[in-house]
Amino acid sequence: MQSIFPLTKLANNKISPSTNHLSQLQNRIPTVSDKALINLVNGIQVNKDIIRYRKNRGFFGKLFDKLDGSNNKRKILLDGNIIAGQEALHNWVLELTDSLKVSQVALEVTQKSLLEARNAIRNQKQSLQVQEERFDQLVEQINIRINNIETRLRQLEIRVAANEDLDRIITAWAAGQTYHNLPWVIQVALLAREIFSSAVIIYELETGDTQRFRELLVNKIIATEKQLTSSFFGIGDLLDCSSTSMTEDDKELTASLLEIRSFSQQRLFDIPHLFIIGTTLELATLPQTAKPGQIAVSLCRNQIKYISRTSDAREFITAVVEETANDCLRIISGK
């Protein structure tokens, strides 16, 4: 849009400073043209009317105007109208400029407030994310602690139950209420089977501790059983002597309880001492079978697993307890 204010030149052909300022103002604030145009048009119409009147006056009319001062009055009115229009334009431009400054300040303040609000929201969001992460970590730590407590509580429960079962079974055995009138070798095998069919095997299964109750059982047997010898002995001789002292009914009963015939070859490989005890009892039930213990040891060494022909009380009891516990653990774990 071209400027409505023609550049007014001074006598030395330089542009008037006011005209230059007004032109720059128009370029910076284009809406100045609209307001200025209205005011100037109104002033121009008045000025045109005055000038047209002066042109249409004849010689005598102009003479009378000079005589009575009408021409001078019209000139003063014309000049005053032009000055008033310029002042109105100047005041309006100043007002518009001040208004624009206020608007710019308001925009700056608003923009600053919006930026502060955005930063505050962003900081709050980051703070919430940090709190959420900390809360998740806290929940995870609490879950871990609760799980640990539950695990420890469960272990404590099954440990108490295992201790109670072990004490109950050992107490009944030591009091002669169970397995009485049987040789100590047979008593150890049946006692170990009973104990590792109780809560003791559940303890070993859930905790993985396969040492605590096995050592405890071995020590209790050695401390309680009065028939044990402290010297080495032949395993075959011990089993022959034990089977000879048993009644036929006890031989058949204990042989069926140990169930050696139903075991697989692999299972027998893991329980050689239980194999020779069960085989001895089975052979002892057959008529006219001499030295079933010696035969059982030879069968084990040749077909199952090599074992020593001699042992002492602790070594033999420990072997029977370990084999029985491992066999029960394998059964209950489904392996």
Foldseek 3Di string as FASTA:
>chain_A
DDDPQPFDADPVRHTDPVSVVVRVLCVVPVCLRVVLVVLVVVLVVVLVVLVVVVVPADPVRVVVCVVVVVVVVSVVVNVVSVVVSVVVSVVVSVVVVVVVVVVVVVVVVVVVVVVVVVVVVVVVVVVVVVVVVVVVVVVVVVVVVVVVVVLVVVLVVLVVQLVVLLCVLLVCVLVVNPPPQAPLLLVLLVSLLSSLVGSNLVSCLSVVDPDDVLVVVLVSSVVRDPPFDQDKDFQLVSLQVRLVSDDLVVLVVSLVVLPLVPDDLVLCLLQLLSQLNSQLSVQSNDPPRPSSSVVSQVCCCVRHHNDDRMDHSSVSSSSSSVSSNVVSNCVVVVD
